[in-house]
């Protein structure tokens, strides 16, 4: 029998039927679910007819992670301390500039900062561990010494880098390789008890955009993340410490990215918060006629707002102030406004 995938058909309107279920303890609800198979079958059923385990995964309130609850959308501000990141490389690789940017992002509305010392853009080369540690750990330590209390995530594939960041004061691990590049990342998460984000990527950054192919990108990404979550649990990481990320732009064509974004509600079936990183990415420039990455904020906002309607909880962005403003307006229109 073909595996059945369950995609909740989500809404956030105030009028809702009594039979509706709340998605993940958050702002979306659903009373219908699309049942899909790889054979191309599609059937819409009432949410009340879901298998109990599926309904539990979809509805269970997501546990707070790194001090953040997920009853409302959250913003993760990007702070790349690299010379070669695709849109901001070299802007914040000096310590003083990075400290100022961290404060600016927090003041602009970032709920958590994601600090990275290795670019994983298409074609990027691996950075030695000691160099990546030197870029990230002293910055995190300096922020904590200054009394910076916004949660911090370390964006790394390497357990030694993650360990140094945790020692310096990081609250979360963000691994774009989902523990494949360095299995020690799983051990670090288990030992520290810190949350870890597991992201899908097809291939290493050096080659990931060389003709990526999928049988069905939405189902393939779901199955991959389901397997990685299961592996994490087997290694002692509780599911309520795991965040999942479909890896937009990591070994995906424009068409793959759009298919994932249209169907992203399927990933709620993993029972974990979803992190989405679309900020300033190439597909936004291609569709939005914005060759300059720094001119892609409006497209980033458009995709972010669409993802809010699909219940996506955590949004990793460069343009924090602008996205926070859009989020406030979205909240006012969909959930009510109180001055």
C-alpha atoms as a PDB file:
ATOM      1  CA  UNK A   1       0.000   0.000   0.000  1.00  0.00           C
ATOM      2  CA  UNK A   2       1.326   3.444  -0.938  1.00  0.00           C
ATOM      3  CA  UNK A   3       2.373   5.695   1.915  1.00  0.00           C
ATOM      4  CA  UNK A   4      -0.205   8.394   2.617  1.00  0.00           C
ATOM      5  CA  UNK A   5       0.941  11.966   3.210  1.00  0.00           C
ATOM      6  CA  UNK A   6      -1.389  14.323   5.061  1.00  0.00           C
ATOM      7  CA  UNK A   7      -1.454  18.028   4.218  1.00  0.00           C
ATOM      8  CA  UNK A   8      -3.761  20.111   6.438  1.00  0.00           C
ATOM      9  CA  UNK A   9      -5.752  22.701   4.499  1.00  0.00           C
ATOM     10  CA  UNK A  10      -5.086  25.680   6.714  1.00  0.00           C
ATOM     11  CA  UNK A  11      -6.997  28.843   7.509  1.00  0.00           C
ATOM     12  CA  UNK A  12      -6.672  31.608  10.079  1.00  0.00           C
ATOM     13  CA  UNK A  13     -10.114  33.254   9.807  1.00  0.00           C
ATOM     14  CA  UNK A  14     -11.883  34.126  13.047  1.00  0.00           C
ATOM     15  CA  UNK A  15     -15.110  32.261  12.166  1.00  0.00           C
ATOM     16  CA  UNK A  16     -14.314  28.561  12.414  1.00  0.00           C
ATOM     17  CA  UNK A  17     -16.497  25.470  12.694  1.00  0.00           C
ATOM     18  CA  UNK A  18     -16.699  23.617  15.985  1.00  0.00           C
ATOM     19  CA  UNK A  19     -15.130  20.580  14.340  1.00  0.00           C
ATOM     20  CA  UNK A  20     -11.965  22.485  13.382  1.00  0.00           C
ATOM     21  CA  UNK A  21      -8.604  21.501  14.861  1.00  0.00           C
ATOM     22  CA  UNK A  22      -5.879  23.971  15.868  1.00  0.00           C
ATOM     23  CA  UNK A  23      -2.543  23.469  14.148  1.00  0.00           C
ATOM     24  CA  UNK A  24       0.375  22.995  16.549  1.00  0.00           C
ATOM     25  CA  UNK A  25      -1.164  25.217  19.224  1.00  0.00           C
ATOM     26  CA  UNK A  26      -0.713  28.212  16.925  1.00  0.00           C
ATOM     27  CA  UNK A  27      -2.725  30.626  14.808  1.00  0.00           C
ATOM     28  CA  UNK A  28      -3.972  28.329  12.020  1.00  0.00           C
ATOM     29  CA  UNK A  29      -6.848  25.871  12.069  1.00  0.00           C
ATOM     30  CA  UNK A  30      -8.126  23.190   9.727  1.00  0.00           C
ATOM     31  CA  UNK A  31     -11.171  21.002   9.324  1.00  0.00           C
ATOM     32  CA  UNK A  32     -10.071  19.301   6.106  1.00  0.00           C
ATOM     33  CA  UNK A  33      -6.911  17.458   5.115  1.00  0.00           C
ATOM     34  CA  UNK A  34      -5.589  16.487   1.697  1.00  0.00           C
ATOM     35  CA  UNK A  35      -4.408  12.865   1.559  1.00  0.00           C
ATOM     36  CA  UNK A  36      -1.688  12.359  -1.056  1.00  0.00           C
ATOM     37  CA  UNK A  37       0.349   9.466  -2.423  1.00  0.00           C
ATOM     38  CA  UNK A  38       3.337   9.191  -4.719  1.00  0.00           C
ATOM     39  CA  UNK A  39       1.066   7.500  -7.243  1.00  0.00           C
ATOM     40  CA  UNK A  40      -0.679  10.819  -7.740  1.00  0.00           C
ATOM     41  CA  UNK A  41      -3.802  10.074  -5.726  1.00  0.00           C
ATOM     42  CA  UNK A  42      -5.423  12.972  -3.881  1.00  0.00           C
ATOM     43  CA  UNK A  43      -8.441  12.923  -1.605  1.00  0.00           C
ATOM     44  CA  UNK A  44      -9.766  15.546   0.799  1.00  0.00           C
ATOM     45  CA  UNK A  45     -11.097  14.161   4.079  1.00  0.00           C
ATOM     46  CA  UNK A  46     -12.541  15.713   7.207  1.00  0.00           C
ATOM     47  CA  UNK A  47      -9.967  16.364   9.915  1.00  0.00           C
ATOM     48  CA  UNK A  48     -12.150  14.354  12.276  1.00  0.00           C
ATOM     49  CA  UNK A  49     -11.344  11.257  10.204  1.00  0.00           C
ATOM     50  CA  UNK A  50      -7.565  11.529  10.582  1.00  0.00           C
ATOM     51  CA  UNK A  51      -5.673   8.622  12.147  1.00  0.00           C
ATOM     52  CA  UNK A  52      -5.102   9.447  15.823  1.00  0.00           C
ATOM     53  CA  UNK A  53      -1.308   9.581  15.548  1.00  0.00           C
ATOM     54  CA  UNK A  54      -1.442  11.946  12.560  1.00  0.00           C
ATOM     55  CA  UNK A  55      -3.925  14.244  14.294  1.00  0.00           C
ATOM     56  CA  UNK A  56      -1.721  14.308  17.394  1.00  0.00           C
ATOM     57  CA  UNK A  57       1.377  15.275  15.397  1.00  0.00           C
ATOM     58  CA  UNK A  58      -0.499  18.049  13.605  1.00  0.00           C
ATOM     59  CA  UNK A  59      -2.244  19.467  16.658  1.00  0.00           C
ATOM     60  CA  UNK A  60       0.226  18.994  19.496  1.00  0.00           C
ATOM     61  CA  UNK A  61       1.395  22.355  20.846  1.00  0.00           C
ATOM     62  CA  UNK A  62       5.030  22.848  19.914  1.00  0.00           C
ATOM     63  CA  UNK A  63       7.261  23.056  22.967  1.00  0.00           C
ATOM     64  CA  UNK A  64       9.221  26.282  23.541  1.00  0.00           C
ATOM     65  CA  UNK A  65      12.783  26.129  22.245  1.00  0.00           C
ATOM     66  CA  UNK A  66      15.693  28.424  23.054  1.00  0.00           C
ATOM     67  CA  UNK A  67      13.294  30.414  25.202  1.00  0.00           C
ATOM     68  CA  UNK A  68      10.811  30.955  22.359  1.00  0.00           C
ATOM     69  CA  UNK A  69       7.224  29.755  22.271  1.00  0.00           C
ATOM     70  CA  UNK A  70       5.583  29.120  18.916  1.00  0.00           C
ATOM     71  CA  UNK A  71       1.991  30.185  19.469  1.00  0.00           C
ATOM     72  CA  UNK A  72       2.949  33.148  17.278  1.00  0.00           C
ATOM     73  CA  UNK A  73       5.381  33.525  14.353  1.00  0.00           C
ATOM     74  CA  UNK A  74       9.009  34.205  15.231  1.00  0.00           C
ATOM     75  CA  UNK A  75      11.815  36.012  13.403  1.00  0.00           C
ATOM     76  CA  UNK A  76      15.371  34.662  13.246  1.00  0.00           C
ATOM     77  CA  UNK A  77      17.808  37.424  12.297  1.00  0.00           C
ATOM     78  CA  UNK A  78      20.757  36.414  10.123  1.00  0.00           C
ATOM     79  CA  UNK A  79      24.239  37.503  11.198  1.00  0.00           C
ATOM     80  CA  UNK A  80      26.884  36.150   8.838  1.00  0.00           C
ATOM     81  CA  UNK A  81      30.425  36.818  10.047  1.00  0.00           C
ATOM     82  CA  UNK A  82      31.921  35.636   6.772  1.00  0.00           C
ATOM     83  CA  UNK A  83      33.783  37.297   3.892  1.00  0.00           C
ATOM     84  CA  UNK A  84      31.802  35.462   1.206  1.00  0.00           C
ATOM     85  CA  UNK A  85      28.117  34.964   2.084  1.00  0.00           C
ATOM     86  CA  UNK A  86      25.942  35.561  -0.970  1.00  0.00           C
ATOM     87  CA  UNK A  87      24.279  38.861   0.021  1.00  0.00           C
ATOM     88  CA  UNK A  88      26.166  40.279   3.004  1.00  0.00           C
ATOM     89  CA  UNK A  89      29.624  38.726   2.858  1.00  0.00           C
ATOM     90  CA  UNK A  90      32.283  40.969   4.378  1.00  0.00           C
ATOM     91  CA  UNK A  91      29.842  43.406   5.980  1.00  0.00           C
ATOM     92  CA  UNK A  92      30.041  42.021   9.514  1.00  0.00           C
ATOM     93  CA  UNK A  93      33.211  39.925   9.671  1.00  0.00           C
ATOM     94  CA  UNK A  94      34.918  42.487  11.941  1.00  0.00           C
ATOM     95  CA  UNK A  95      33.993  42.029  15.615  1.00  0.00           C
ATOM     96  CA  UNK A  96      32.837  45.608  16.241  1.00  0.00           C
ATOM     97  CA  UNK A  97      30.617  45.609  13.144  1.00  0.00           C
ATOM     98  CA  UNK A  98      29.139  42.247  14.145  1.00  0.00           C
ATOM     99  CA  UNK A  99      28.387  43.446  17.680  1.00  0.00           C
ATOM    100  CA  UNK A 100      26.623  46.532  16.333  1.00  0.00           C
ATOM    101  CA  UNK A 101      24.625  44.482  13.844  1.00  0.00           C
ATOM    102  CA  UNK A 102      23.557  42.001  16.525  1.00  0.00           C
ATOM    103  CA  UNK A 103      22.177  44.828  18.653  1.00  0.00           C
ATOM    104  CA  UNK A 104      20.490  46.386  15.620  1.00  0.00           C
ATOM    105  CA  UNK A 105      18.785  43.118  14.648  1.00  0.00           C
ATOM    106  CA  UNK A 106      17.531  42.554  18.186  1.00  0.00           C
ATOM    107  CA  UNK A 107      16.195  46.096  18.420  1.00  0.00           C
ATOM    108  CA  UNK A 108      14.528  45.713  15.011  1.00  0.00           C
ATOM    109  CA  UNK A 109      12.501  42.727  16.203  1.00  0.00           C
ATOM    110  CA  UNK A 110      14.587  39.566  15.912  1.00  0.00           C
ATOM    111  CA  UNK A 111      13.427  36.941  18.408  1.00  0.00           C
ATOM    112  CA  UNK A 112      16.650  34.961  17.927  1.00  0.00           C
ATOM    113  CA  UNK A 113      19.939  35.539  16.093  1.00  0.00           C
ATOM    114  CA  UNK A 114      21.521  32.946  13.806  1.00  0.00           C
ATOM    115  CA  UNK A 115      25.279  33.475  13.746  1.00  0.00           C
ATOM    116  CA  UNK A 116      27.265  31.725  11.038  1.00  0.00           C
ATOM    117  CA  UNK A 117      30.970  31.639  10.229  1.00  0.00           C
ATOM    118  CA  UNK A 118      30.868  29.502   7.080  1.00  0.00           C
ATOM    119  CA  UNK A 119      29.015  30.371   3.893  1.00  0.00           C
ATOM    120  CA  UNK A 120      26.926  27.501   2.532  1.00  0.00           C
ATOM    121  CA  UNK A 121      25.802  29.369  -0.594  1.00  0.00           C
ATOM    122  CA  UNK A 122      25.974  27.407  -3.866  1.00  0.00           C
ATOM    123  CA  UNK A 123      29.613  26.864  -4.815  1.00  0.00           C
ATOM    124  CA  UNK A 124      31.011  27.816  -1.393  1.00  0.00           C
ATOM    125  CA  UNK A 125      34.111  26.005  -0.158  1.00  0.00           C
ATOM    126  CA  UNK A 126      34.456  24.424   3.280  1.00  0.00           C
ATOM    127  CA  UNK A 127      35.989  26.586   6.032  1.00  0.00           C
ATOM    128  CA  UNK A 128      38.459  24.957   8.465  1.00  0.00           C
ATOM    129  CA  UNK A 129      37.052  24.341  11.949  1.00  0.00           C
ATOM    130  CA  UNK A 130      39.511  26.576  13.766  1.00  0.00           C
ATOM    131  CA  UNK A 131      38.789  29.481  11.432  1.00  0.00           C
ATOM    132  CA  UNK A 132      35.032  29.047  11.804  1.00  0.00           C
ATOM    133  CA  UNK A 133      35.385  28.925  15.602  1.00  0.00           C
ATOM    134  CA  UNK A 134      37.516  32.079  15.556  1.00  0.00           C
ATOM    135  CA  UNK A 135      34.799  33.879  13.601  1.00  0.00           C
ATOM    136  CA  UNK A 136      31.870  32.866  15.811  1.00  0.00           C
ATOM    137  CA  UNK A 137      32.749  31.933  19.415  1.00  0.00           C
ATOM    138  CA  UNK A 138      34.446  35.237  20.376  1.00  0.00           C
ATOM    139  CA  UNK A 139      31.474  37.185  18.990  1.00  0.00           C
ATOM    140  CA  UNK A 140      28.976  35.135  21.002  1.00  0.00           C
ATOM    141  CA  UNK A 141      31.106  35.471  24.145  1.00  0.00           C
ATOM    142  CA  UNK A 142      31.411  39.234  23.633  1.00  0.00           C
ATOM    143  CA  UNK A 143      27.659  39.589  23.202  1.00  0.00           C
ATOM    144  CA  UNK A 144      27.008  37.684  26.407  1.00  0.00           C
ATOM    145  CA  UNK A 145      29.653  39.734  28.238  1.00  0.00           C
ATOM    146  CA  UNK A 146      27.773  42.861  27.155  1.00  0.00           C
ATOM    147  CA  UNK A 147      24.528  41.488  28.615  1.00  0.00           C
ATOM    148  CA  UNK A 148      22.939  40.631  25.260  1.00  0.00           C
ATOM    149  CA  UNK A 149      20.002  38.409  26.225  1.00  0.00           C
ATOM    150  CA  UNK A 150      18.395  37.607  22.865  1.00  0.00           C
ATOM    151  CA  UNK A 151      18.659  33.861  22.144  1.00  0.00           C
ATOM    152  CA  UNK A 152      21.504  32.887  19.806  1.00  0.00           C
ATOM    153  CA  UNK A 153      21.658  30.026  17.315  1.00  0.00           C
ATOM    154  CA  UNK A 154      24.948  28.801  15.865  1.00  0.00           C
ATOM    155  CA  UNK A 155      24.706  28.065  12.155  1.00  0.00           C
ATOM    156  CA  UNK A 156      27.233  25.285  11.606  1.00  0.00           C
ATOM    157  CA  UNK A 157      27.681  21.754  10.268  1.00  0.00           C
ATOM    158  CA  UNK A 158      30.552  20.991  12.640  1.00  0.00           C
ATOM    159  CA  UNK A 159      30.303  19.735  16.224  1.00  0.00           C
ATOM    160  CA  UNK A 160      33.562  21.385  17.344  1.00  0.00           C
ATOM    161  CA  UNK A 161      32.263  24.749  16.133  1.00  0.00           C
ATOM    162  CA  UNK A 162      28.915  24.085  17.797  1.00  0.00           C
ATOM    163  CA  UNK A 163      30.585  23.085  21.054  1.00  0.00           C
ATOM    164  CA  UNK A 164      32.684  26.262  21.142  1.00  0.00           C
ATOM    165  CA  UNK A 165      29.581  28.339  20.437  1.00  0.00           C
ATOM    166  CA  UNK A 166      27.643  26.630  23.221  1.00  0.00           C
ATOM    167  CA  UNK A 167      30.511  27.261  25.629  1.00  0.00           C
ATOM    168  CA  UNK A 168      30.396  30.917  24.603  1.00  0.00           C
ATOM    169  CA  UNK A 169      26.638  31.157  25.225  1.00  0.00           C
ATOM    170  CA  UNK A 170      24.706  29.861  22.204  1.00  0.00           C
ATOM    171  CA  UNK A 171      21.195  28.500  22.850  1.00  0.00           C
ATOM    172  CA  UNK A 172      20.497  26.472  19.704  1.00  0.00           C
ATOM    173  CA  UNK A 173      22.206  24.450  16.958  1.00  0.00           C
ATOM    174  CA  UNK A 174      21.296  25.033  13.305  1.00  0.00           C
ATOM    175  CA  UNK A 175      22.747  22.299  11.095  1.00  0.00           C
ATOM    176  CA  UNK A 176      22.160  22.658   7.337  1.00  0.00           C
ATOM    177  CA  UNK A 177      23.387  19.077   6.869  1.00  0.00           C
ATOM    178  CA  UNK A 178      20.956  17.531   9.386  1.00  0.00           C
ATOM    179  CA  UNK A 179      23.867  15.775  11.188  1.00  0.00           C
ATOM    180  CA  UNK A 180      25.171  14.157   7.975  1.00  0.00           C
ATOM    181  CA  UNK A 181      28.329  16.245   7.555  1.00  0.00           C
ATOM    182  CA  UNK A 182      29.348  15.599  11.176  1.00  0.00           C
ATOM    183  CA  UNK A 183      27.337  13.026  13.162  1.00  0.00           C
ATOM    184  CA  UNK A 184      28.867  14.567  16.283  1.00  0.00           C
ATOM    185  CA  UNK A 185      26.289  17.347  15.963  1.00  0.00           C
ATOM    186  CA  UNK A 186      23.667  14.870  17.148  1.00  0.00           C
ATOM    187  CA  UNK A 187      25.790  13.866  20.116  1.00  0.00           C
ATOM    188  CA  UNK A 188      26.311  17.538  20.996  1.00  0.00           C
ATOM    189  CA  UNK A 189      22.563  18.209  20.906  1.00  0.00           C
ATOM    190  CA  UNK A 190      21.853  15.149  23.035  1.00  0.00           C
ATOM    191  CA  UNK A 191      24.496  16.020  25.648  1.00  0.00           C
ATOM    192  CA  UNK A 192      23.645  19.710  25.933  1.00  0.00           C
ATOM    193  CA  UNK A 193      19.874  19.293  25.642  1.00  0.00           C
ATOM    194  CA  UNK A 194      19.797  22.273  23.278  1.00  0.00           C
ATOM    195  CA  UNK A 195      17.370  22.407  20.351  1.00  0.00           C
ATOM    196  CA  UNK A 196      18.697  21.512  16.913  1.00  0.00           C
ATOM    197  CA  UNK A 197      17.378  22.447  13.489  1.00  0.00           C
ATOM    198  CA  UNK A 198      17.685  19.715  10.861  1.00  0.00           C
ATOM    199  CA  UNK A 199      17.673  20.980   7.276  1.00  0.00           C
ATOM    200  CA  UNK A 200      17.344  19.149   3.980  1.00  0.00           C
ATOM    201  CA  UNK A 201      20.057  19.702   1.392  1.00  0.00           C
ATOM    202  CA  UNK A 202      20.841  17.670  -1.704  1.00  0.00           C
ATOM    203  CA  UNK A 203      24.626  17.504  -1.922  1.00  0.00           C
ATOM    204  CA  UNK A 204      27.373  19.690  -0.483  1.00  0.00           C
ATOM    205  CA  UNK A 205      27.383  23.440  -1.177  1.00  0.00           C
ATOM    206  CA  UNK A 206      30.198  23.005  -3.708  1.00  0.00           C
ATOM    207  CA  UNK A 207      27.970  20.963  -6.043  1.00  0.00           C
ATOM    208  CA  UNK A 208      24.394  21.152  -4.762  1.00  0.00           C
ATOM    209  CA  UNK A 209      23.091  23.267  -7.637  1.00  0.00           C
ATOM    210  CA  UNK A 210      24.587  21.010 -10.318  1.00  0.00           C
ATOM    211  CA  UNK A 211      21.361  19.680 -11.849  1.00  0.00           C
ATOM    212  CA  UNK A 212      19.428  18.668  -8.676  1.00  0.00           C
ATOM    213  CA  UNK A 213      16.759  16.019  -9.321  1.00  0.00           C
ATOM    214  CA  UNK A 214      13.926  14.488  -7.273  1.00  0.00           C
ATOM    215  CA  UNK A 215      11.274  11.856  -7.761  1.00  0.00           C
ATOM    216  CA  UNK A 216       8.859  14.250  -6.043  1.00  0.00           C
ATOM    217  CA  UNK A 217      10.558  17.088  -4.181  1.00  0.00           C
ATOM    218  CA  UNK A 218       7.828  17.562  -1.543  1.00  0.00           C
ATOM    219  CA  UNK A 219       7.579  13.887  -0.627  1.00  0.00           C
ATOM    220  CA  UNK A 220      11.343  13.346  -0.898  1.00  0.00           C
ATOM    221  CA  UNK A 221      12.085  16.219   1.484  1.00  0.00           C
ATOM    222  CA  UNK A 222       9.375  15.037   3.895  1.00  0.00           C
ATOM    223  CA  UNK A 223      10.741  11.481   3.932  1.00  0.00           C
ATOM    224  CA  UNK A 224      14.305  12.683   4.417  1.00  0.00           C
ATOM    225  CA  UNK A 225      13.378  14.893   7.359  1.00  0.00           C
ATOM    226  CA  UNK A 226      11.219  12.147   8.842  1.00  0.00           C
ATOM    227  CA  UNK A 227      14.247   9.813   8.734  1.00  0.00           C
ATOM    228  CA  UNK A 228      16.576  12.412  10.255  1.00  0.00           C
ATOM    229  CA  UNK A 229      14.124  13.191  13.060  1.00  0.00           C
ATOM    230  CA  UNK A 230      13.862   9.453  13.790  1.00  0.00           C
ATOM    231  CA  UNK A 231      17.660   9.163  13.845  1.00  0.00           C
ATOM    232  CA  UNK A 232      17.903  12.130  16.195  1.00  0.00           C
ATOM    233  CA  UNK A 233      15.383  10.523  18.550  1.00  0.00           C
ATOM    234  CA  UNK A 234      17.303   7.246  18.425  1.00  0.00           C
ATOM    235  CA  UNK A 235      20.387   9.199  19.517  1.00  0.00           C
ATOM    236  CA  UNK A 236      18.669  10.659  22.560  1.00  0.00           C
ATOM    237  CA  UNK A 237      17.307  13.938  21.187  1.00  0.00           C
ATOM    238  CA  UNK A 238      13.680  14.514  22.156  1.00  0.00           C
ATOM    239  CA  UNK A 239      11.326  15.417  19.320  1.00  0.00           C
ATOM    240  CA  UNK A 240      10.338  18.562  21.178  1.00  0.00           C
ATOM    241  CA  UNK A 241      13.968  19.705  20.808  1.00  0.00           C
ATOM    242  CA  UNK A 242      13.940  19.376  17.003  1.00  0.00           C
ATOM    243  CA  UNK A 243      13.102  21.989  14.364  1.00  0.00           C
ATOM    244  CA  UNK A 244      12.867  21.080  10.670  1.00  0.00           C
ATOM    245  CA  UNK A 245      13.795  23.139   7.609  1.00  0.00           C
ATOM    246  CA  UNK A 246      13.012  22.171   3.975  1.00  0.00           C
ATOM    247  CA  UNK A 247      16.225  23.847   2.787  1.00  0.00           C
ATOM    248  CA  UNK A 248      14.919  26.222   0.159  1.00  0.00           C
ATOM    249  CA  UNK A 249      17.668  26.758  -2.427  1.00  0.00           C
ATOM    250  CA  UNK A 250      19.885  23.955  -1.133  1.00  0.00           C
ATOM    251  CA  UNK A 251      20.050  21.584  -4.088  1.00  0.00           C
ATOM    252  CA  UNK A 252      16.760  22.807  -5.568  1.00  0.00           C
ATOM    253  CA  UNK A 253      15.700  24.506  -8.761  1.00  0.00           C
ATOM    254  CA  UNK A 254      13.237  27.381  -8.856  1.00  0.00           C
ATOM    255  CA  UNK A 255      10.455  24.876  -9.578  1.00  0.00           C
ATOM    256  CA  UNK A 256      11.525  22.694  -6.626  1.00  0.00           C
ATOM    257  CA  UNK A 257      11.472  25.711  -4.314  1.00  0.00           C
ATOM    258  CA  UNK A 258       7.972  26.695  -5.401  1.00  0.00           C
ATOM    259  CA  UNK A 259       6.651  23.143  -4.994  1.00  0.00           C
ATOM    260  CA  UNK A 260       8.006  23.024  -1.446  1.00  0.00           C
ATOM    261  CA  UNK A 261       6.567  26.417  -0.548  1.00  0.00           C
ATOM    262  CA  UNK A 262       3.128  25.529  -1.940  1.00  0.00           C
ATOM    263  CA  UNK A 263       3.045  22.261  -0.010  1.00  0.00           C
ATOM    264  CA  UNK A 264       5.012  23.230   3.106  1.00  0.00           C
ATOM    265  CA  UNK A 265       2.033  22.567   5.412  1.00  0.00           C
ATOM    266  CA  UNK A 266       2.756  18.863   4.835  1.00  0.00           C
ATOM    267  CA  UNK A 267       5.837  19.193   7.081  1.00  0.00           C
ATOM    268  CA  UNK A 268       3.674  19.915  10.127  1.00  0.00           C
ATOM    269  CA  UNK A 269       3.011  16.175  10.136  1.00  0.00           C
ATOM    270  CA  UNK A 270       6.540  15.702  11.517  1.00  0.00           C
ATOM    271  CA  UNK A 271       5.388  17.185  14.818  1.00  0.00           C
ATOM    272  CA  UNK A 272       8.168  19.804  14.934  1.00  0.00           C
ATOM    273  CA  UNK A 273       8.291  23.572  14.426  1.00  0.00           C
ATOM    274  CA  UNK A 274       9.228  24.572  10.874  1.00  0.00           C
ATOM    275  CA  UNK A 275      12.047  26.983  10.085  1.00  0.00           C
ATOM    276  CA  UNK A 276      11.962  28.664   6.677  1.00  0.00           C
ATOM    277  CA  UNK A 277      14.950  30.415   5.140  1.00  0.00           C
ATOM    278  CA  UNK A 278      14.057  32.192   1.889  1.00  0.00           C
ATOM    279  CA  UNK A 279      15.643  35.570   2.572  1.00  0.00           C
ATOM    280  CA  UNK A 280      17.075  37.262  -0.547  1.00  0.00           C
ATOM    281  CA  UNK A 281      17.465  33.916  -2.326  1.00  0.00           C
ATOM    282  CA  UNK A 282      18.066  33.552  -6.042  1.00  0.00           C
ATOM    283  CA  UNK A 283      14.586  32.322  -6.949  1.00  0.00           C
ATOM    284  CA  UNK A 284      13.134  35.514  -5.461  1.00  0.00           C
ATOM    285  CA  UNK A 285      15.404  37.543  -7.711  1.00  0.00           C
ATOM    286  CA  UNK A 286      14.510  35.456 -10.768  1.00  0.00           C
ATOM    287  CA  UNK A 287      10.757  35.747 -10.241  1.00  0.00           C
ATOM    288  CA  UNK A 288      10.842  39.309  -8.902  1.00  0.00           C
ATOM    289  CA  UNK A 289      13.320  40.754 -11.428  1.00  0.00           C
ATOM    290  CA  UNK A 290      15.819  41.674  -8.706  1.00  0.00           C
ATOM    291  CA  UNK A 291      19.355  40.788  -9.754  1.00  0.00           C
ATOM    292  CA  UNK A 292      20.853  42.475  -6.673  1.00  0.00           C
ATOM    293  CA  UNK A 293      20.353  40.244  -3.618  1.00  0.00           C
ATOM    294  CA  UNK A 294      19.929  43.256  -1.347  1.00  0.00           C
ATOM    295  CA  UNK A 295      16.943  44.391  -3.447  1.00  0.00           C
ATOM    296  CA  UNK A 296      14.949  41.220  -2.681  1.00  0.00           C
ATOM    297  CA  UNK A 297      13.312  42.257   0.588  1.00  0.00           C
ATOM    298  CA  UNK A 298       9.829  42.771  -0.969  1.00  0.00           C
ATOM    299  CA  UNK A 299       9.924  39.276  -2.462  1.00  0.00           C
ATOM    300  CA  UNK A 300      11.166  37.857   0.825  1.00  0.00           C
ATOM    301  CA  UNK A 301       8.246  39.509   2.605  1.00  0.00           C
ATOM    302  CA  UNK A 302       5.766  38.132   0.070  1.00  0.00           C
ATOM    303  CA  UNK A 303       6.991  34.567   0.559  1.00  0.00           C
ATOM    304  CA  UNK A 304       7.105  35.012   4.345  1.00  0.00           C
ATOM    305  CA  UNK A 305       3.488  36.193   4.473  1.00  0.00           C
ATOM    306  CA  UNK A 306       2.397  33.240   2.337  1.00  0.00           C
ATOM    307  CA  UNK A 307       4.236  30.898   4.710  1.00  0.00           C
ATOM    308  CA  UNK A 308       2.504  32.474   7.715  1.00  0.00           C
ATOM    309  CA  UNK A 309      -0.757  31.355   6.171  1.00  0.00           C
ATOM    310  CA  UNK A 310       0.675  27.832   6.128  1.00  0.00           C
ATOM    311  CA  UNK A 311       1.517  27.941   9.843  1.00  0.00           C
ATOM    312  CA  UNK A 312       5.309  28.224   9.489  1.00  0.00           C
ATOM    313  CA  UNK A 313       6.639  29.245  12.881  1.00  0.00           C
ATOM    314  CA  UNK A 314      10.225  30.496  12.442  1.00  0.00           C
ATOM    315  CA  UNK A 315      11.435  32.787   9.641  1.00  0.00           C
ATOM    316  CA  UNK A 316      15.165  33.280   9.010  1.00  0.00           C
ATOM    317  CA  UNK A 317      15.709  36.687   7.391  1.00  0.00           C
ATOM    318  CA  UNK A 318      18.267  39.425   6.763  1.00  0.00           C
ATOM    319  CA  UNK A 319      15.844  42.377   6.685  1.00  0.00           C
ATOM    320  CA  UNK A 320      14.482  42.032  10.200  1.00  0.00           C
ATOM    321  CA  UNK A 321      12.871  45.465  10.607  1.00  0.00           C
ATOM    322  CA  UNK A 322      10.947  45.206   7.341  1.00  0.00           C
ATOM    323  CA  UNK A 323       9.798  41.631   7.923  1.00  0.00           C
ATOM    324  CA  UNK A 324       8.801  42.475  11.512  1.00  0.00           C
ATOM    325  CA  UNK A 325       6.684  45.355  10.220  1.00  0.00           C
ATOM    326  CA  UNK A 326       4.988  43.076   7.709  1.00  0.00           C
ATOM    327  CA  UNK A 327       4.383  40.486  10.401  1.00  0.00           C
ATOM    328  CA  UNK A 328       2.777  43.085  12.672  1.00  0.00           C
ATOM    329  CA  UNK A 329       0.403  44.131   9.885  1.00  0.00           C
ATOM    330  CA  UNK A 330      -0.383  40.486   9.103  1.00  0.00           C
ATOM    331  CA  UNK A 331      -1.150  39.890  12.769  1.00  0.00           C
ATOM    332  CA  UNK A 332      -3.387  42.958  12.945  1.00  0.00           C
ATOM    333  CA  UNK A 333      -5.380  41.853   9.909  1.00  0.00           C
ATOM    334  CA  UNK A 334      -5.719  38.189  10.789  1.00  0.00           C
ATOM    335  CA  UNK A 335      -5.675  38.116  14.595  1.00  0.00           C
ATOM    336  CA  UNK A 336      -6.840  41.592  15.599  1.00  0.00           C
ATOM    337  CA  UNK A 337      -5.092  44.814  16.571  1.00  0.00           C
ATOM    338  CA  UNK A 338      -4.660  46.339  20.001  1.00  0.00           C
ATOM    339  CA  UNK A 339      -2.733  49.635  20.279  1.00  0.00           C
END
